[in-house]
Structure formats: C-alpha cells, structure tokens
Amino acid sequence: MDLSSLRNAVLFRREALKAYGEIIDGGAAAARRELLRSGLIQTFETACELCRKCMKRWLEMNFSPGEVSGVSCTESARKIRSLTM
C-alpha cells in the first residue's frame, strides 16, 4: 500500500510546526502568527484525512467491503490495532 502522500503530509506538518515555533520565538506580528496557525490547522486536517483514507483502504484490502462500510474512524483504528498487535 502506497503511504507516500501520508508520509509527505506528516513531514510537511513537522516542518510547519518548526517554522511556527521560530516565528513565535521571534515575536512576529499577530497577523503573521494567525496566518501560520491557520495553515498548521489545515495541514493537521489533511494528515488526519489521509490517515483515515489509508486505514479504510487497508481494511478494504483485508476485509470484505461490507464489513468496512459505515465503520467510524475510531472503530477502524481499533480493528487495525487488534489485528496488528
């Protein structure tokens, strides 16, 4: 299963958090901090969505689609955790 998009999103988020820390430490203007904060929130949402899609794809590959249909993200994570531990 190709996880490169998820990996890239996580790496980008890590870099964005580092930049945010540098801006906060440097005392940047409030508007600039707010803009970067909004971007951080968006990268977090993107990474979470990609993670959810990867979990769903993995479950569909390992279970019948009927068993996966309508399963919440939390329940998906529980199923995967129980199978991989």
PDB file of N, CA and C in Angstrom:
ATOM      1  N   MET A   1       0.859  -1.179   0.000  1.00  0.00           N
ATOM      2  CA  MET A   1       0.000   0.000   0.000  1.00  0.00           C
ATOM      3  C   MET A   1       0.899   1.235   0.000  1.00  0.00           C
ATOM      4  N   ASP A   2       0.616   2.165  -0.878  1.00  0.00           N
ATOM      5  CA  ASP A   2       1.417   3.384  -1.011  1.00  0.00           C
ATOM      6  C   ASP A   2       1.021   4.400   0.058  1.00  0.00           C
ATOM      7  N   LEU A   3       1.939   4.705   0.951  1.00  0.00           N
ATOM      8  CA  LEU A   3       1.688   5.665   2.024  1.00  0.00           C
ATOM      9  C   LEU A   3       2.466   6.962   1.816  1.00  0.00           C
ATOM     10  N   SER A   4       2.983   7.179   0.612  1.00  0.00           N
ATOM     11  CA  SER A   4       3.832   8.350   0.375  1.00  0.00           C
ATOM     12  C   SER A   4       3.097   9.668   0.608  1.00  0.00           C
ATOM     13  N   SER A   5       1.830   9.759   0.244  1.00  0.00           N
ATOM     14  CA  SER A   5       1.101  11.015   0.457  1.00  0.00           C
ATOM     15  C   SER A   5       0.922  11.300   1.945  1.00  0.00           C
ATOM     16  N   LEU A   6       0.662  10.264   2.726  1.00  0.00           N
ATOM     17  CA  LEU A   6       0.546  10.440   4.178  1.00  0.00           C
ATOM     18  C   LEU A   6       1.893  10.816   4.776  1.00  0.00           C
ATOM     19  N   ARG A   7       2.939  10.140   4.347  1.00  0.00           N
ATOM     20  CA  ARG A   7       4.291  10.443   4.836  1.00  0.00           C
ATOM     21  C   ARG A   7       4.646  11.902   4.519  1.00  0.00           C
ATOM     22  N   ASN A   8       4.366  12.344   3.295  1.00  0.00           N
ATOM     23  CA  ASN A   8       4.659  13.725   2.907  1.00  0.00           C
ATOM     24  C   ASN A   8       3.866  14.729   3.738  1.00  0.00           C
ATOM     25  N   ALA A   9       2.620  14.421   4.016  1.00  0.00           N
ATOM     26  CA  ALA A   9       1.784  15.329   4.816  1.00  0.00           C
ATOM     27  C   ALA A   9       2.326  15.450   6.237  1.00  0.00           C
ATOM     28  N   VAL A  10       2.771  14.338   6.806  1.00  0.00           N
ATOM     29  CA  VAL A  10       3.323  14.357   8.163  1.00  0.00           C
ATOM     30  C   VAL A  10       4.638  15.137   8.190  1.00  0.00           C
ATOM     31  N   LEU A  11       5.494  14.912   7.193  1.00  0.00           N
ATOM     32  CA  LEU A  11       6.763  15.649   7.129  1.00  0.00           C
ATOM     33  C   LEU A  11       6.529  17.147   6.949  1.00  0.00           C
ATOM     34  N   PHE A  12       5.565  17.509   6.098  1.00  0.00           N
ATOM     35  CA  PHE A  12       5.249  18.920   5.886  1.00  0.00           C
ATOM     36  C   PHE A  12       4.731  19.552   7.171  1.00  0.00           C
ATOM     37  N   ARG A  13       3.895  18.827   7.878  1.00  0.00           N
ATOM     38  CA  ARG A  13       3.372  19.343   9.153  1.00  0.00           C
ATOM     39  C   ARG A  13       4.494  19.559  10.144  1.00  0.00           C
ATOM     40  N   ARG A  14       5.433  18.639  10.203  1.00  0.00           N
ATOM     41  CA  ARG A  14       6.572  18.776  11.112  1.00  0.00           C
ATOM     42  C   ARG A  14       7.374  20.043  10.793  1.00  0.00           C
ATOM     43  N   GLU A  15       7.606  20.287   9.507  1.00  0.00           N
ATOM     44  CA  GLU A  15       8.333  21.496   9.099  1.00  0.00           C
ATOM     45  C   GLU A  15       7.536  22.759   9.426  1.00  0.00           C
ATOM     46  N   ALA A  16       6.221  22.692   9.232  1.00  0.00           N
ATOM     47  CA  ALA A  16       5.374  23.848   9.531  1.00  0.00           C
ATOM     48  C   ALA A  16       5.381  24.151  11.030  1.00  0.00           C
ATOM     49  N   LEU A  17       5.357  23.122  11.865  1.00  0.00           N
ATOM     50  CA  LEU A  17       5.423  23.330  13.314  1.00  0.00           C
ATOM     51  C   LEU A  17       6.754  23.960  13.723  1.00  0.00           C
ATOM     52  N   LYS A  18       7.826  23.535  13.081  1.00  0.00           N
ATOM     53  CA  LYS A  18       9.139  24.114  13.356  1.00  0.00           C
ATOM     54  C   LYS A  18       9.151  25.600  12.989  1.00  0.00           C
ATOM     55  N   ALA A  19       8.606  25.923  11.823  1.00  0.00           N
ATOM     56  CA  ALA A  19       8.548  27.324  11.387  1.00  0.00           C
ATOM     57  C   ALA A  19       7.687  28.147  12.328  1.00  0.00           C
ATOM     58  N   TYR A  20       6.577  27.576  12.775  1.00  0.00           N
ATOM     59  CA  TYR A  20       5.690  28.291  13.705  1.00  0.00           C
ATOM     60  C   TYR A  20       6.431  28.604  15.008  1.00  0.00           C
ATOM     61  N   GLY A  21       7.190  27.635  15.509  1.00  0.00           N
ATOM     62  CA  GLY A  21       7.968  27.862  16.718  1.00  0.00           C
ATOM     63  C   GLY A  21       8.973  28.979  16.539  1.00  0.00           C
ATOM     64  N   GLU A  22       9.606  29.033  15.383  1.00  0.00           N
ATOM     65  CA  GLU A  22      10.583  30.091  15.102  1.00  0.00           C
ATOM     66  C   GLU A  22       9.910  31.454  15.029  1.00  0.00           C
ATOM     67  N   ILE A  23       8.732  31.510  14.452  1.00  0.00           N
ATOM     68  CA  ILE A  23       8.009  32.780  14.342  1.00  0.00           C
ATOM     69  C   ILE A  23       7.545  33.243  15.712  1.00  0.00           C
ATOM     70  N   ILE A  24       7.023  32.321  16.519  1.00  0.00           N
ATOM     71  CA  ILE A  24       6.570  32.679  17.868  1.00  0.00           C
ATOM     72  C   ILE A  24       7.751  33.185  18.698  1.00  0.00           C
ATOM     73  N   ASP A  25       8.880  32.468  18.626  1.00  0.00           N
ATOM     74  CA  ASP A  25      10.065  32.866  19.388  1.00  0.00           C
ATOM     75  C   ASP A  25      10.602  34.213  18.918  1.00  0.00           C
ATOM     76  N   GLY A  26      10.423  34.500  17.635  1.00  0.00           N
ATOM     77  CA  GLY A  26      10.926  35.753  17.075  1.00  0.00           C
ATOM     78  C   GLY A  26       9.986  36.927  17.302  1.00  0.00           C
ATOM     79  N   GLY A  27       8.813  36.699  17.861  1.00  0.00           N
ATOM     80  CA  GLY A  27       7.865  37.778  18.142  1.00  0.00           C
ATOM     81  C   GLY A  27       7.259  38.386  16.882  1.00  0.00           C
ATOM     82  N   ALA A  28       6.919  37.572  15.921  1.00  0.00           N
ATOM     83  CA  ALA A  28       6.339  38.067  14.672  1.00  0.00           C
ATOM     84  C   ALA A  28       4.994  38.730  14.928  1.00  0.00           C
ATOM     85  N   ALA A  29       4.562  39.504  13.953  1.00  0.00           N
ATOM     86  CA  ALA A  29       3.292  40.224  14.046  1.00  0.00           C
ATOM     87  C   ALA A  29       2.132  39.246  14.210  1.00  0.00           C
ATOM     88  N   ALA A  30       1.095  39.701  14.888  1.00  0.00           N
ATOM     89  CA  ALA A  30      -0.069  38.857  15.192  1.00  0.00           C
ATOM     90  C   ALA A  30      -0.712  38.307  13.923  1.00  0.00           C
ATOM     91  N   ALA A  31      -0.809  39.109  12.876  1.00  0.00           N
ATOM     92  CA  ALA A  31      -1.443  38.653  11.633  1.00  0.00           C
ATOM     93  C   ALA A  31      -0.649  37.505  11.016  1.00  0.00           C
ATOM     94  N   ARG A  32       0.657  37.599  11.063  1.00  0.00           N
ATOM     95  CA  ARG A  32       1.502  36.554  10.506  1.00  0.00           C
ATOM     96  C   ARG A  32       1.391  35.263  11.326  1.00  0.00           C
ATOM     97  N   ARG A  33       1.356  35.395  12.636  1.00  0.00           N
ATOM     98  CA  ARG A  33       1.188  34.219  13.505  1.00  0.00           C
ATOM     99  C   ARG A  33      -0.150  33.542  13.238  1.00  0.00           C
ATOM    100  N   GLU A  34      -1.205  34.336  13.089  1.00  0.00           N
ATOM    101  CA  GLU A  34      -2.540  33.785  12.850  1.00  0.00           C
ATOM    102  C   GLU A  34      -2.604  33.069  11.506  1.00  0.00           C
ATOM    103  N   LEU A  35      -1.944  33.638  10.500  1.00  0.00           N
ATOM    104  CA  LEU A  35      -1.916  33.012   9.175  1.00  0.00           C
ATOM    105  C   LEU A  35      -1.218  31.653   9.248  1.00  0.00           C
ATOM    106  N   LEU A  36      -0.079  31.601   9.904  1.00  0.00           N
ATOM    107  CA  LEU A  36       0.638  30.343  10.030  1.00  0.00           C
ATOM    108  C   LEU A  36      -0.140  29.346  10.885  1.00  0.00           C
ATOM    109  N   ARG A  37      -0.793  29.826  11.916  1.00  0.00           N
ATOM    110  CA  ARG A  37      -1.609  28.953  12.770  1.00  0.00           C
ATOM    111  C   ARG A  37      -2.731  28.304  11.951  1.00  0.00           C
ATOM    112  N   SER A  38      -3.363  29.094  11.110  1.00  0.00           N
ATOM    113  CA  SER A  38      -4.427  28.551  10.254  1.00  0.00           C
ATOM    114  C   SER A  38      -3.880  27.492   9.312  1.00  0.00           C
ATOM    115  N   GLY A  39      -2.685  27.739   8.779  1.00  0.00           N
ATOM    116  CA  GLY A  39      -2.049  26.758   7.908  1.00  0.00           C
ATOM    117  C   GLY A  39      -1.729  25.469   8.641  1.00  0.00           C
ATOM    118  N   LEU A  40      -1.293  25.590   9.899  1.00  0.00           N
ATOM    119  CA  LEU A  40      -0.994  24.405  10.700  1.00  0.00           C
ATOM    120  C   LEU A  40      -2.250  23.572  10.932  1.00  0.00           C
ATOM    121  N   ILE A  41      -3.334  24.241  11.208  1.00  0.00           N
ATOM    122  CA  ILE A  41      -4.597  23.533  11.417  1.00  0.00           C
ATOM    123  C   ILE A  41      -4.993  22.796  10.146  1.00  0.00           C
ATOM    124  N   GLN A  42      -4.814  23.442   9.000  1.00  0.00           N
ATOM    125  CA  GLN A  42      -5.173  22.824   7.727  1.00  0.00           C
ATOM    126  C   GLN A  42      -4.279  21.608   7.442  1.00  0.00           C
ATOM    127  N   THR A  43      -2.970  21.713   7.722  1.00  0.00           N
ATOM    128  CA  THR A  43      -2.096  20.562   7.483  1.00  0.00           C
ATOM    129  C   THR A  43      -2.445  19.403   8.412  1.00  0.00           C
ATOM    130  N   PHE A  44      -2.863  19.714   9.627  1.00  0.00           N
ATOM    131  CA  PHE A  44      -3.291  18.664  10.556  1.00  0.00           C
ATOM    132  C   PHE A  44      -4.540  17.962  10.011  1.00  0.00           C
ATOM    133  N   GLU A  45      -5.506  18.741   9.540  1.00  0.00           N
ATOM    134  CA  GLU A  45      -6.727  18.155   8.995  1.00  0.00           C
ATOM    135  C   GLU A  45      -6.426  17.297   7.773  1.00  0.00           C
ATOM    136  N   THR A  46      -5.507  17.752   6.926  1.00  0.00           N
ATOM    137  CA  THR A  46      -5.128  16.988   5.740  1.00  0.00           C
ATOM    138  C   THR A  46      -4.486  15.664   6.131  1.00  0.00           C
ATOM    139  N   ALA A  47      -3.552  15.711   7.085  1.00  0.00           N
ATOM    140  CA  ALA A  47      -2.884  14.489   7.531  1.00  0.00           C
ATOM    141  C   ALA A  47      -3.888  13.517   8.159  1.00  0.00           C
ATOM    142  N   CYS A  48      -4.817  14.028   8.938  1.00  0.00           N
ATOM    143  CA  CYS A  48      -5.842  13.164   9.556  1.00  0.00           C
ATOM    144  C   CYS A  48      -6.723  12.519   8.500  1.00  0.00           C
ATOM    145  N   GLU A  49      -7.115  13.286   7.504  1.00  0.00           N
ATOM    146  CA  GLU A  49      -7.958  12.752   6.440  1.00  0.00           C
ATOM    147  C   GLU A  49      -7.215  11.682   5.648  1.00  0.00           C
ATOM    148  N   LEU A  50      -5.938  11.923   5.341  1.00  0.00           N
ATOM    149  CA  LEU A  50      -5.149  10.921   4.628  1.00  0.00           C
ATOM    150  C   LEU A  50      -4.986   9.657   5.463  1.00  0.00           C
ATOM    151  N   CYS A  51      -4.798   9.818   6.751  1.00  0.00           N
ATOM    152  CA  CYS A  51      -4.687   8.671   7.642  1.00  0.00           C
ATOM    153  C   CYS A  51      -5.983   7.866   7.649  1.00  0.00           C
ATOM    154  N   ARG A  52      -7.102   8.556   7.721  1.00  0.00           N
ATOM    155  CA  ARG A  52      -8.404   7.887   7.708  1.00  0.00           C
ATOM    156  C   ARG A  52      -8.591   7.102   6.409  1.00  0.00           C
ATOM    157  N   LYS A  53      -8.211   7.717   5.285  1.00  0.00           N
ATOM    158  CA  LYS A  53      -8.354   7.038   3.994  1.00  0.00           C
ATOM    159  C   LYS A  53      -7.441   5.820   3.899  1.00  0.00           C
ATOM    160  N   CYS A  54      -6.225   5.938   4.433  1.00  0.00           N
ATOM    161  CA  CYS A  54      -5.302   4.798   4.413  1.00  0.00           C
ATOM    162  C   CYS A  54      -5.835   3.659   5.267  1.00  0.00           C
ATOM    163  N   MET A  55      -6.385   3.983   6.437  1.00  0.00           N
ATOM    164  CA  MET A  55      -6.961   2.941   7.290  1.00  0.00           C
ATOM    165  C   MET A  55      -8.120   2.256   6.581  1.00  0.00           C
ATOM    166  N   LYS A  56      -8.974   3.043   5.940  1.00  0.00           N
ATOM    167  CA  LYS A  56     -10.129   2.480   5.237  1.00  0.00           C
ATOM    168  C   LYS A  56      -9.661   1.579   4.090  1.00  0.00           C
ATOM    169  N   ARG A  57      -8.672   2.056   3.343  1.00  0.00           N
ATOM    170  CA  ARG A  57      -8.147   1.273   2.235  1.00  0.00           C
ATOM    171  C   ARG A  57      -7.556  -0.048   2.735  1.00  0.00           C
ATOM    172  N   TRP A  58      -6.802   0.005   3.846  1.00  0.00           N
ATOM    173  CA  TRP A  58      -6.201  -1.194   4.410  1.00  0.00           C
ATOM    174  C   TRP A  58      -7.281  -2.178   4.845  1.00  0.00           C
ATOM    175  N   LEU A  59      -8.310  -1.661   5.498  1.00  0.00           N
ATOM    176  CA  LEU A  59      -9.400  -2.535   5.938  1.00  0.00           C
ATOM    177  C   LEU A  59     -10.110  -3.168   4.751  1.00  0.00           C
ATOM    178  N   GLU A  60     -10.319  -2.403   3.686  1.00  0.00           N
ATOM    179  CA  GLU A  60     -10.993  -2.937   2.499  1.00  0.00           C
ATOM    180  C   GLU A  60     -10.146  -4.015   1.829  1.00  0.00           C
ATOM    181  N   MET A  61      -8.812  -3.876   1.937  1.00  0.00           N
ATOM    182  CA  MET A  61      -7.920  -4.876   1.352  1.00  0.00           C
ATOM    183  C   MET A  61      -7.912  -6.164   2.184  1.00  0.00           C
ATOM    184  N   ASN A  62      -8.198  -6.064   3.472  1.00  0.00           N
ATOM    185  CA  ASN A  62      -8.095  -7.208   4.374  1.00  0.00           C
ATOM    186  C   ASN A  62      -9.443  -7.757   4.842  1.00  0.00           C
ATOM    187  N   PHE A  63     -10.519  -7.059   4.550  1.00  0.00           N
ATOM    188  CA  PHE A  63     -11.878  -7.493   4.902  1.00  0.00           C
ATOM    189  C   PHE A  63     -12.770  -7.263   3.695  1.00  0.00           C
ATOM    190  N   SER A  64     -13.941  -7.820   3.742  1.00  0.00           N
ATOM    191  CA  SER A  64     -14.878  -7.557   2.656  1.00  0.00           C
ATOM    192  C   SER A  64     -15.404  -6.126   2.814  1.00  0.00           C
ATOM    193  N   PRO A  65     -15.698  -5.462   1.697  1.00  0.00           N
ATOM    194  CA  PRO A  65     -16.181  -4.077   1.775  1.00  0.00           C
ATOM    195  C   PRO A  65     -17.424  -3.911   2.645  1.00  0.00           C
ATOM    196  N   GLY A  66     -18.257  -4.939   2.723  1.00  0.00           N
ATOM    197  CA  GLY A  66     -19.451  -4.871   3.560  1.00  0.00           C
ATOM    198  C   GLY A  66     -19.127  -4.740   5.040  1.00  0.00           C
ATOM    199  N   GLU A  67     -18.024  -5.354   5.460  1.00  0.00           N
ATOM    200  CA  GLU A  67     -17.621  -5.266   6.858  1.00  0.00           C
ATOM    201  C   GLU A  67     -17.056  -3.893   7.201  1.00  0.00           C
ATOM    202  N   VAL A  68     -16.573  -3.178   6.203  1.00  0.00           N
ATOM    203  CA  VAL A  68     -15.909  -1.894   6.415  1.00  0.00           C
ATOM    204  C   VAL A  68     -16.867  -0.724   6.215  1.00  0.00           C
ATOM    205  N   SER A  69     -17.881  -0.931   5.417  1.00  0.00           N
ATOM    206  CA  SER A  69     -18.820   0.142   5.090  1.00  0.00           C
ATOM    207  C   SER A  69     -19.504   0.688   6.343  1.00  0.00           C
ATOM    208  N   GLY A  70     -19.435   1.986   6.518  1.00  0.00           N
ATOM    209  CA  GLY A  70     -20.099   2.641   7.634  1.00  0.00           C
ATOM    210  C   GLY A  70     -19.348   2.581   8.952  1.00  0.00           C
ATOM    211  N   VAL A  71     -18.127   2.032   8.947  1.00  0.00           N
ATOM    212  CA  VAL A  71     -17.337   1.937  10.172  1.00  0.00           C
ATOM    213  C   VAL A  71     -16.690   3.299  10.441  1.00  0.00           C
ATOM    214  N   SER A  72     -16.787   3.751  11.682  1.00  0.00           N
ATOM    215  CA  SER A  72     -16.203   5.048  12.036  1.00  0.00           C
ATOM    216  C   SER A  72     -14.681   4.968  12.025  1.00  0.00           C
ATOM    217  N   CYS A  73     -14.052   6.123  11.997  1.00  0.00           N
ATOM    218  CA  CYS A  73     -12.597   6.200  12.015  1.00  0.00           C
ATOM    219  C   CYS A  73     -12.045   5.552  13.288  1.00  0.00           C
ATOM    220  N   THR A  74     -12.678   5.809  14.410  1.00  0.00           N
ATOM    221  CA  THR A  74     -12.239   5.239  15.682  1.00  0.00           C
ATOM    222  C   THR A  74     -12.337   3.722  15.656  1.00  0.00           C
ATOM    223  N   GLU A  75     -13.445   3.207  15.145  1.00  0.00           N
ATOM    224  CA  GLU A  75     -13.625   1.759  15.055  1.00  0.00           C
ATOM    225  C   GLU A  75     -12.623   1.152  14.073  1.00  0.00           C
ATOM    226  N   SER A  76     -12.316   1.864  12.991  1.00  0.00           N
ATOM    227  CA  SER A  76     -11.305   1.384  12.046  1.00  0.00           C
ATOM    228  C   SER A  76      -9.961   1.229  12.740  1.00  0.00           C
ATOM    229  N   ALA A  77      -9.579   2.235  13.510  1.00  0.00           N
ATOM    230  CA  ALA A  77      -8.304   2.188  14.231  1.00  0.00           C
ATOM    231  C   ALA A  77      -8.285   1.024  15.216  1.00  0.00           C
ATOM    232  N   ARG A  78      -9.396   0.784  15.889  1.00  0.00           N
ATOM    233  CA  ARG A  78      -9.468  -0.339  16.838  1.00  0.00           C
ATOM    234  C   ARG A  78      -9.297  -1.680  16.132  1.00  0.00           C
ATOM    235  N   LYS A  79      -9.943  -1.824  14.966  1.00  0.00           N
ATOM    236  CA  LYS A  79      -9.830  -3.074  14.217  1.00  0.00           C
ATOM    237  C   LYS A  79      -8.394  -3.315  13.795  1.00  0.00           C
ATOM    238  N   ILE A  80      -7.766  -2.281  13.271  1.00  0.00           N
ATOM    239  CA  ILE A  80      -6.385  -2.418  12.814  1.00  0.00           C
ATOM    240  C   ILE A  80      -5.466  -2.735  13.982  1.00  0.00           C
ATOM    241  N   ARG A  81      -5.643  -2.022  15.085  1.00  0.00           N
ATOM    242  CA  ARG A  81      -4.805  -2.250  16.262  1.00  0.00           C
ATOM    243  C   ARG A  81      -4.949  -3.686  16.774  1.00  0.00           C
ATOM    244  N   SER A  82      -6.189  -4.193  16.794  1.00  0.00           N
ATOM    245  CA  SER A  82      -6.401  -5.546  17.305  1.00  0.00           C
ATOM    246  C   SER A  82      -5.769  -6.604  16.376  1.00  0.00           C
ATOM    247  N   LEU A  83      -5.668  -6.318  15.104  1.00  0.00           N
ATOM    248  CA  LEU A  83      -5.093  -7.269  14.158  1.00  0.00           C
ATOM    249  C   LEU A  83      -3.576  -7.222  14.113  1.00  0.00           C
ATOM    250  N   THR A  84      -3.005  -6.065  14.420  1.00  0.00           N
ATOM    251  CA  THR A  84      -1.563  -5.911  14.282  1.00  0.00           C
ATOM    252  C   THR A  84      -0.812  -6.110  15.576  1.00  0.00           C
ATOM    253  N   MET A  85      -1.503  -6.255  16.684  1.00  0.00           N
ATOM    254  CA  MET A  85      -0.808  -6.444  17.965  1.00  0.00           C
ATOM    255  C   MET A  85      -0.798  -7.880  18.377  1.00  0.00           C
TER     256      MET A  85
END
